[in-house]
């Protein structure tokens, strides 16, 4: 069996990607206690069934994903203790951050993710975890999160057909060769129209159920009746991708209790414009890190939080990008977000963003031209549409 598959099936790793990182850190196997250890050189090496495994560095296996190692290092650097706290994990995914928090003694972790079916089964089955799926953190409110938590802890109550209420069909006495005499009373037999109406009602319910139009009733699953789903947390953390933190933070900090702490992973490649990101989605110009830091700090300051520290992530992102953590604390009062009218329905809603916007592409191009940040035209045009890339090449050919 392939070494990476063997590690997963033997329970040493939760995913093949984690198994591959363990192999890179060092894995040995042997068939008997007296046999010499053999090192696994690559992921595709064959390991016989029943072999004994030895991990030379088990750090990668400590948590469901390597995200747990990132958060563990950040918590150690800040000195923050999460034992006994109710925590919110934004962008829960497979659950690396959630796993770290639970192992550090968190009382509860409510995880939010826009996707579905990603959280590892071990964490999904943990009574301290509430997994909310299909909820966009950018649009999250206290009300929507509480409703989503209640739904996540509930099960559908299936309507049972009550055959006792079914009309007694005319001539029911004739079933099974029945006989009737002059004393038979048919006054309770249903009329033909009553039977047809009953059939039509059942058919309508069946159609509504099939089309998803039938009202659904929920109730809390057994054992979850007392689970706390109050949308106010002692600690907020998160790891989000393909969106700027400045779009997520306004909603997240509204759920942080007064004086509560926030520790968010910052991925520079999602805070910059495509033209500022190199090939493979890697931020190669380290001068841009200061720009990202300034923007995140300004966002949190606008939201009423005090930034306590800006930290390097203890390990790089999976794509090789350098990542950071921002550590901040909520004030004595939660600052209300400015409101704006929704253009579609005219309702007044919290503003989606309360911080400086990312620079426009035009601003980026002007800055790049003035400071000559990029010498490689391929890097300068990374992520731009085909026509833009074409024009960039033509300009450099002149």
Protein backbone atom coordinates (compact mmCIF):
# COMPACT_ATOMS: atom_id res chain seq x y z
CA UNK A 1 0.00 0.00 0.00
CA UNK A 2 1.22 3.52 -0.76
CA UNK A 3 2.90 5.12 2.25
CA UNK A 4 0.63 8.20 2.36
CA UNK A 5 -2.50 6.04 2.10
CA UNK A 6 -1.14 3.67 4.75
CA UNK A 7 -0.66 6.55 7.21
CA UNK A 8 -4.27 7.69 6.74
CA UNK A 9 -5.78 4.21 7.04
CA UNK A 10 -3.63 3.41 10.07
CA UNK A 11 -4.87 6.57 11.80
CA UNK A 12 -1.55 8.43 11.86
CA UNK A 13 -2.91 11.20 9.61
CA UNK A 14 -6.36 12.58 8.87
CA UNK A 15 -5.70 13.39 5.21
CA UNK A 16 -3.25 12.34 2.54
CA UNK A 17 -1.80 15.84 2.43
CA UNK A 18 -1.09 15.63 6.15
CA UNK A 19 0.39 12.16 5.64
CA UNK A 20 2.68 13.55 2.96
CA UNK A 21 3.94 16.26 5.31
CA UNK A 22 4.61 13.59 7.95
CA UNK A 23 6.59 11.59 5.39
CA UNK A 24 8.63 14.69 4.57
CA UNK A 25 9.35 15.07 8.31
CA UNK A 26 10.39 11.44 8.58
CA UNK A 27 8.56 8.11 8.78
CA UNK A 28 10.03 4.63 9.34
CA UNK A 29 8.47 1.15 9.29
CA UNK A 30 9.33 -2.42 10.17
CA UNK A 31 7.55 -5.79 10.06
CA UNK A 32 8.69 -7.14 13.44
CA UNK A 33 10.29 -5.86 16.66
CA UNK A 34 13.62 -7.47 15.69
CA UNK A 35 13.65 -6.14 12.13
CA UNK A 36 15.56 -2.96 11.28
CA UNK A 37 13.63 0.24 10.64
CA UNK A 38 13.22 1.27 7.00
CA UNK A 39 12.79 4.94 6.11
CA UNK A 40 9.99 6.02 3.81
CA UNK A 41 11.69 7.99 1.05
CA UNK A 42 8.63 9.18 -0.88
CA UNK A 43 4.86 9.20 -0.74
CA UNK A 44 4.48 6.33 -3.19
CA UNK A 45 6.77 3.91 -1.33
CA UNK A 46 5.08 0.59 -0.57
CA UNK A 47 4.48 -0.37 3.07
CA UNK A 48 3.36 -3.97 3.74
CA UNK A 49 0.11 -4.62 5.57
CA UNK A 50 0.61 -5.03 9.31
CA UNK A 51 3.83 -3.01 9.39
CA UNK A 52 4.71 -1.00 12.51
CA UNK A 53 5.18 2.72 11.91
CA UNK A 54 7.33 5.27 13.69
CA UNK A 55 6.98 9.04 13.19
CA UNK A 56 10.30 10.86 13.54
CA UNK A 57 8.47 14.20 13.92
CA UNK A 58 4.83 13.94 14.98
CA UNK A 59 4.17 17.70 15.10
CA UNK A 60 2.16 17.59 11.87
CA UNK A 61 -0.15 14.98 13.38
CA UNK A 62 -0.97 16.95 16.51
CA UNK A 63 -3.98 18.67 14.96
CA UNK A 64 -6.53 17.90 12.25
CA UNK A 65 -4.65 20.27 9.95
CA UNK A 66 -1.50 22.38 10.06
CA UNK A 67 -3.68 25.41 10.80
CA UNK A 68 -3.66 24.17 14.40
CA UNK A 69 0.12 24.58 14.50
CA UNK A 70 -0.20 28.16 13.25
CA UNK A 71 -2.73 29.09 15.95
CA UNK A 72 -0.80 27.23 18.64
CA UNK A 73 2.30 29.30 17.89
CA UNK A 74 0.32 32.55 17.82
CA UNK A 75 -1.37 31.80 21.16
CA UNK A 76 2.02 31.03 22.69
CA UNK A 77 3.48 34.27 21.32
CA UNK A 78 0.65 36.39 22.74
CA UNK A 79 0.44 34.50 26.02
CA UNK A 80 -3.33 34.32 25.66
CA UNK A 81 -5.08 31.47 27.49
CA UNK A 82 -8.32 30.22 25.97
CA UNK A 83 -9.16 27.62 28.63
CA UNK A 84 -12.81 27.94 29.65
CA UNK A 85 -13.63 30.49 26.93
CA UNK A 86 -16.42 30.48 24.34
CA UNK A 87 -14.74 30.93 20.97
CA UNK A 88 -15.78 31.78 17.42
CA UNK A 89 -13.77 30.22 14.57
CA UNK A 90 -14.39 32.10 11.31
CA UNK A 91 -13.57 29.99 8.26
CA UNK A 92 -13.60 26.71 10.18
CA UNK A 93 -12.90 24.47 7.16
CA UNK A 94 -11.48 21.09 8.27
CA UNK A 95 -11.04 22.37 11.82
CA UNK A 96 -7.34 23.00 12.49
CA UNK A 97 -8.01 26.12 14.57
CA UNK A 98 -10.98 24.47 16.31
CA UNK A 99 -8.85 21.44 17.22
CA UNK A 100 -6.16 23.69 18.68
CA UNK A 101 -8.68 25.61 20.77
CA UNK A 102 -10.26 22.44 22.15
CA UNK A 103 -6.88 20.95 23.05
CA UNK A 104 -6.06 24.25 24.80
CA UNK A 105 -9.18 23.85 26.96
CA UNK A 106 -11.79 26.05 25.25
CA UNK A 107 -15.26 25.51 26.69
CA UNK A 108 -16.97 25.80 23.31
CA UNK A 109 -16.11 26.56 19.69
CA UNK A 110 -18.72 27.83 17.26
CA UNK A 111 -17.32 27.42 13.76
CA UNK A 112 -18.59 29.28 10.71
CA UNK A 113 -17.83 28.39 7.11
CA UNK A 114 -19.42 29.27 3.79
CA UNK A 115 -18.77 25.73 2.54
CA UNK A 116 -20.31 22.40 3.51
CA UNK A 117 -19.02 19.03 4.69
CA UNK A 118 -15.44 20.12 5.42
CA UNK A 119 -15.18 19.75 9.20
CA UNK A 120 -13.49 16.53 10.30
CA UNK A 121 -15.88 13.95 11.75
CA UNK A 122 -13.98 13.77 15.05
CA UNK A 123 -14.64 17.45 15.67
CA UNK A 124 -18.18 17.35 14.29
CA UNK A 125 -19.01 14.71 16.89
CA UNK A 126 -17.51 16.74 19.77
CA UNK A 127 -20.23 18.13 22.05
CA UNK A 128 -18.20 21.33 22.51
CA UNK A 129 -18.37 22.15 18.79
CA UNK A 130 -21.20 23.83 16.91
CA UNK A 131 -20.58 23.62 13.16
CA UNK A 132 -22.42 26.26 11.13
CA UNK A 133 -22.19 25.67 7.38
CA UNK A 134 -23.28 27.74 4.41
CA UNK A 135 -23.02 31.05 6.27
CA UNK A 136 -21.03 33.88 4.69
CA UNK A 137 -19.03 35.52 7.48
CA UNK A 138 -19.11 38.84 5.64
CA UNK A 139 -22.89 39.07 6.02
CA UNK A 140 -23.04 37.45 9.47
CA UNK A 141 -25.05 39.14 12.22
CA UNK A 142 -25.83 38.13 15.79
CA UNK A 143 -29.35 37.19 14.73
CA UNK A 144 -28.32 35.15 11.67
CA UNK A 145 -25.60 33.31 13.57
CA UNK A 146 -27.91 32.41 16.45
CA UNK A 147 -30.54 31.13 14.01
CA UNK A 148 -27.89 29.14 12.10
CA UNK A 149 -26.56 27.61 15.31
CA UNK A 150 -30.05 26.56 16.34
CA UNK A 151 -30.58 24.99 12.92
CA UNK A 152 -27.22 23.17 13.09
CA UNK A 153 -28.23 21.60 16.40
CA UNK A 154 -31.69 20.59 15.22
CA UNK A 155 -33.24 17.79 13.24
CA UNK A 156 -36.24 17.75 10.94
CA UNK A 157 -39.47 16.47 12.44
CA UNK A 158 -40.99 14.22 9.82
CA UNK A 159 -44.76 14.42 9.63
CA UNK A 160 -46.24 11.01 10.21
CA UNK A 161 -49.29 10.03 8.22
CA UNK A 162 -52.18 9.42 10.56
CA UNK A 163 -54.13 6.55 9.03
CA UNK A 164 -56.64 6.72 11.87
CA UNK A 165 -58.07 9.86 10.27
CA UNK A 166 -58.43 8.27 6.85
CA UNK A 167 -62.10 8.23 5.80
CA UNK A 168 -63.78 4.86 5.86
CA UNK A 169 -64.43 4.10 2.23
CA UNK A 170 -67.97 3.35 1.09
CA UNK A 171 -68.77 -0.34 1.05
CA UNK A 172 -65.83 -1.07 3.37
CA UNK A 173 -67.91 -3.92 4.75
CA UNK A 174 -67.43 -5.79 1.46
CA UNK A 175 -63.71 -6.24 2.02
CA UNK A 176 -62.53 -9.80 2.56
CA UNK A 177 -65.84 -11.20 1.35
CA UNK A 178 -67.87 -9.53 4.08
CA UNK A 179 -71.62 -9.92 4.30
CA UNK A 180 -74.25 -7.39 5.19
CA UNK A 181 -77.72 -7.79 6.56
CA UNK A 182 -80.59 -5.46 7.18
CA UNK A 183 -79.09 -4.32 10.52
CA UNK A 184 -75.93 -2.92 8.88
CA UNK A 185 -75.56 0.83 9.52
CA UNK A 186 -73.67 2.65 6.75
CA UNK A 187 -74.20 6.16 8.18
CA UNK A 188 -70.53 6.43 9.18
CA UNK A 189 -69.19 5.43 5.78
CA UNK A 190 -67.45 8.28 3.95
CA UNK A 191 -68.98 9.70 0.88
CA UNK A 192 -67.17 9.32 -2.43
CA UNK A 193 -66.30 13.04 -2.50
CA UNK A 194 -64.77 12.83 0.98
CA UNK A 195 -62.46 10.02 -0.08
CA UNK A 196 -61.40 11.91 -3.22
CA UNK A 197 -60.74 15.08 -1.21
CA UNK A 198 -58.56 13.09 1.20
CA UNK A 199 -56.57 11.59 -1.66
CA UNK A 200 -56.08 15.02 -3.23
CA UNK A 201 -54.86 16.47 0.07
CA UNK A 202 -52.25 13.74 0.46
CA UNK A 203 -51.12 14.11 -3.14
CA UNK A 204 -50.71 17.88 -2.65
CA UNK A 205 -48.57 17.31 0.45
CA UNK A 206 -46.41 14.81 -1.43
CA UNK A 207 -45.85 17.30 -4.28
CA UNK A 208 -45.00 20.12 -1.87
CA UNK A 209 -42.50 17.91 -0.08
CA UNK A 210 -40.85 16.85 -3.32
CA UNK A 211 -40.58 20.48 -4.46
CA UNK A 212 -39.27 21.71 -1.10
CA UNK A 213 -42.34 23.88 -0.51
CA UNK A 214 -43.73 22.04 2.49
CA UNK A 215 -43.18 23.87 5.81
CA UNK A 216 -40.40 22.16 7.78
CA UNK A 217 -40.48 21.83 11.54
CA UNK A 218 -37.28 21.43 13.55
CA UNK A 219 -36.43 20.43 17.09
CA UNK A 220 -33.16 20.24 18.97
CA UNK A 221 -31.32 16.94 18.76
CA UNK A 222 -31.26 14.89 21.93
CA UNK A 223 -28.56 16.14 24.26
CA UNK A 224 -28.21 19.57 22.64
CA UNK A 225 -31.16 21.28 24.31
CA UNK A 226 -28.90 23.17 26.74
CA UNK A 227 -26.13 24.10 24.31
CA UNK A 228 -25.35 27.81 24.58
CA UNK A 229 -25.73 29.59 21.23
CA UNK A 230 -25.57 33.16 22.52
CA UNK A 231 -23.90 35.17 19.72
CA UNK A 232 -21.33 36.83 22.01
CA UNK A 233 -17.84 35.38 22.39
CA UNK A 234 -14.81 35.76 24.65
CA UNK A 235 -12.42 35.06 21.78
CA UNK A 236 -12.63 35.31 17.99
CA UNK A 237 -10.16 33.75 15.61
CA UNK A 238 -10.21 32.74 11.99
CA UNK A 239 -8.51 31.79 8.75
CA UNK A 240 -10.32 33.00 5.62
CA UNK A 241 -9.29 32.77 1.98
CA UNK A 242 -10.19 34.56 -1.26
CA UNK A 243 -11.53 37.55 0.64
CA UNK A 244 -9.93 40.48 2.43
CA UNK A 245 -10.12 40.52 6.21
CA UNK A 246 -11.34 44.10 6.00
CA UNK A 247 -14.60 42.69 4.62
CA UNK A 248 -14.96 40.05 7.34
CA UNK A 249 -13.83 41.91 10.45
CA UNK A 250 -16.79 44.33 10.70
CA UNK A 251 -19.20 41.43 11.18
CA UNK A 252 -16.85 39.34 13.35
CA UNK A 253 -15.99 42.04 15.91
CA UNK A 254 -19.69 42.72 16.54
CA UNK A 255 -19.81 39.24 18.09
CA UNK A 256 -16.84 39.84 20.39
CA UNK A 257 -17.68 40.66 24.01
CA UNK A 258 -16.36 43.86 25.59
CA UNK A 259 -12.64 43.41 26.40
CA UNK A 260 -12.64 40.15 24.44
CA UNK A 261 -9.64 39.20 22.29
CA UNK A 262 -9.28 38.64 18.55
CA UNK A 263 -6.49 36.72 16.83
CA UNK A 264 -6.88 36.46 13.05
CA UNK A 265 -4.61 34.94 10.43
CA UNK A 266 -3.64 37.46 7.75
CA UNK A 267 -2.89 36.22 4.23
CA UNK A 268 -1.27 39.08 2.26
CA UNK A 269 -2.13 37.57 -1.12
CA UNK A 270 -5.82 38.19 -0.42
CA UNK A 271 -5.27 41.74 0.82
CA UNK A 272 -3.56 42.96 -2.35
CA UNK A 273 -4.59 43.58 -5.92
CA UNK A 274 -3.74 40.92 -8.54
CA UNK A 275 -1.01 43.11 -10.01
CA UNK A 276 0.78 43.13 -6.66
CA UNK A 277 0.90 39.34 -6.44
CA UNK A 278 3.53 37.28 -8.24
CA UNK A 279 3.36 34.04 -10.15
CA UNK A 280 1.66 31.19 -8.32
CA UNK A 281 -0.17 33.66 -6.07
CA UNK A 282 2.99 34.42 -4.07
CA UNK A 283 3.65 37.89 -2.65
CA UNK A 284 7.32 38.36 -3.51
CA UNK A 285 7.70 42.06 -2.72
CA UNK A 286 8.17 42.09 1.07
CA UNK A 287 7.67 45.87 1.08
CA UNK A 288 3.96 45.17 0.54
CA UNK A 289 3.68 43.51 3.95
CA UNK A 290 3.77 46.93 5.61
CA UNK A 291 0.93 48.09 3.38
CA UNK A 292 -1.17 45.09 4.42
CA UNK A 293 -0.39 45.63 8.09
CA UNK A 294 -1.34 49.31 7.92
CA UNK A 295 -4.66 48.50 6.26
CA UNK A 296 -5.61 45.81 8.80
CA UNK A 297 -4.61 48.05 11.71
CA UNK A 298 -6.68 50.91 10.31
CA UNK A 299 -9.68 48.61 9.91
CA UNK A 300 -9.53 47.39 13.50
CA UNK A 301 -8.97 50.90 14.83
CA UNK A 302 -12.05 52.09 12.94
CA UNK A 303 -14.01 49.23 14.49
CA UNK A 304 -12.99 50.25 18.02
CA UNK A 305 -10.39 47.55 18.73
CA UNK A 306 -6.87 48.09 20.00
CA UNK A 307 -4.17 46.21 18.13
CA UNK A 308 -1.87 44.59 20.68
CA UNK A 309 0.54 42.85 18.33
CA UNK A 310 1.35 42.02 14.71
CA UNK A 311 3.01 38.59 14.55
CA UNK A 312 4.68 36.40 11.99
CA UNK A 313 2.90 33.09 11.54
CA UNK A 314 5.10 30.32 12.97
CA UNK A 315 4.85 28.37 9.70
CA UNK A 316 4.32 29.39 6.10
CA UNK A 317 1.09 28.94 4.23
CA UNK A 318 0.61 25.79 2.20
CA UNK A 319 1.40 27.71 -0.99
CA UNK A 320 4.63 29.14 0.43
CA UNK A 321 3.29 32.60 1.26
CA UNK A 322 4.51 34.38 4.38
CA UNK A 323 1.54 34.88 6.70
CA UNK A 324 0.84 36.94 9.81
CA UNK A 325 -1.44 37.10 12.84
CA UNK A 326 -3.06 40.26 14.13
CA UNK A 327 -3.84 40.31 17.86
CA UNK A 328 -6.37 42.87 19.08
CA UNK A 329 -8.72 43.56 21.97
CA UNK A 330 -12.29 44.82 21.99
CA UNK A 331 -12.99 48.04 23.88
CA UNK A 332 -15.23 48.48 26.89
CA UNK A 333 -18.14 49.00 24.51
CA UNK A 334 -18.87 47.44 21.14
CA UNK A 335 -18.73 50.16 18.51
CA UNK A 336 -21.84 50.22 16.36
CA UNK A 337 -21.28 49.95 12.64
CA UNK A 338 -22.42 52.78 10.39
CA UNK A 339 -25.60 51.90 8.54
CA UNK A 340 -26.51 52.22 4.91
CA UNK A 341 -29.70 51.69 2.91
CA UNK A 342 -29.79 48.54 0.87
CA UNK A 343 -30.31 49.49 -2.76
CA UNK A 344 -32.52 46.49 -3.49
CA UNK A 345 -35.10 46.62 -0.73
CA UNK A 346 -34.49 50.01 0.86
CA UNK A 347 -33.85 48.46 4.28
CA UNK A 348 -31.27 49.96 6.59
CA UNK A 349 -28.42 47.53 7.23
CA UNK A 350 -24.93 47.67 8.81
CA UNK A 351 -22.28 48.89 6.42
CA UNK A 352 -20.36 45.99 4.91
CA UNK A 353 -16.98 47.55 5.54
CA UNK A 354 -15.74 50.11 8.03
CA UNK A 355 -12.15 50.53 6.93
CA UNK A 356 -10.04 51.90 4.14
CA UNK A 357 -10.58 50.12 0.87
CA UNK A 358 -7.87 48.24 -0.93
CA UNK A 359 -6.22 50.45 -3.55
CA UNK A 360 -7.82 50.30 -6.96
CA UNK A 361 -6.03 48.69 -9.87
CA UNK A 362 -5.42 52.14 -11.33
CA UNK A 363 -3.74 53.24 -8.09
CA UNK A 364 -1.63 50.11 -8.05
CA UNK A 365 -0.52 50.64 -11.63
CA UNK A 366 0.35 54.28 -10.93
CA UNK A 367 2.35 53.35 -7.85
CA UNK A 368 4.10 50.55 -9.67
CA UNK A 369 5.02 52.85 -12.52
CA UNK A 370 6.32 55.56 -10.19
CA UNK A 371 8.34 53.29 -7.92
CA UNK A 372 9.22 50.61 -10.50
CA UNK A 373 8.19 47.88 -8.08
CA UNK A 374 8.21 45.24 -10.79
CA UNK A 375 10.80 44.58 -13.43
CA UNK A 376 9.33 41.31 -14.67
CA UNK A 377 6.33 42.00 -16.95
CA UNK A 378 4.96 38.52 -16.25
CA UNK A 379 4.88 39.27 -12.52
CA UNK A 380 3.42 42.72 -13.11
CA UNK A 381 0.52 41.33 -15.13
CA UNK A 382 -0.20 38.23 -13.02
CA UNK A 383 -3.90 37.73 -12.49
CA UNK A 384 -4.96 40.30 -15.09
CA UNK A 385 -7.38 39.28 -17.85
CA UNK A 386 -5.92 38.02 -21.10
CA UNK A 387 -6.26 41.32 -23.01
CA UNK A 388 -4.55 43.25 -20.21
CA UNK A 389 -1.67 40.76 -20.16
CA UNK A 390 -1.37 41.06 -23.94
CA UNK A 391 -1.19 44.85 -23.81
CA UNK A 392 1.40 44.66 -21.04
CA UNK A 393 3.63 42.48 -23.20
CA UNK A 394 3.24 44.80 -26.20
CA UNK A 395 4.22 47.82 -24.13
CA UNK A 396 7.38 46.09 -23.02
CA UNK A 397 8.24 45.11 -26.58
CA UNK A 398 8.30 48.73 -27.74
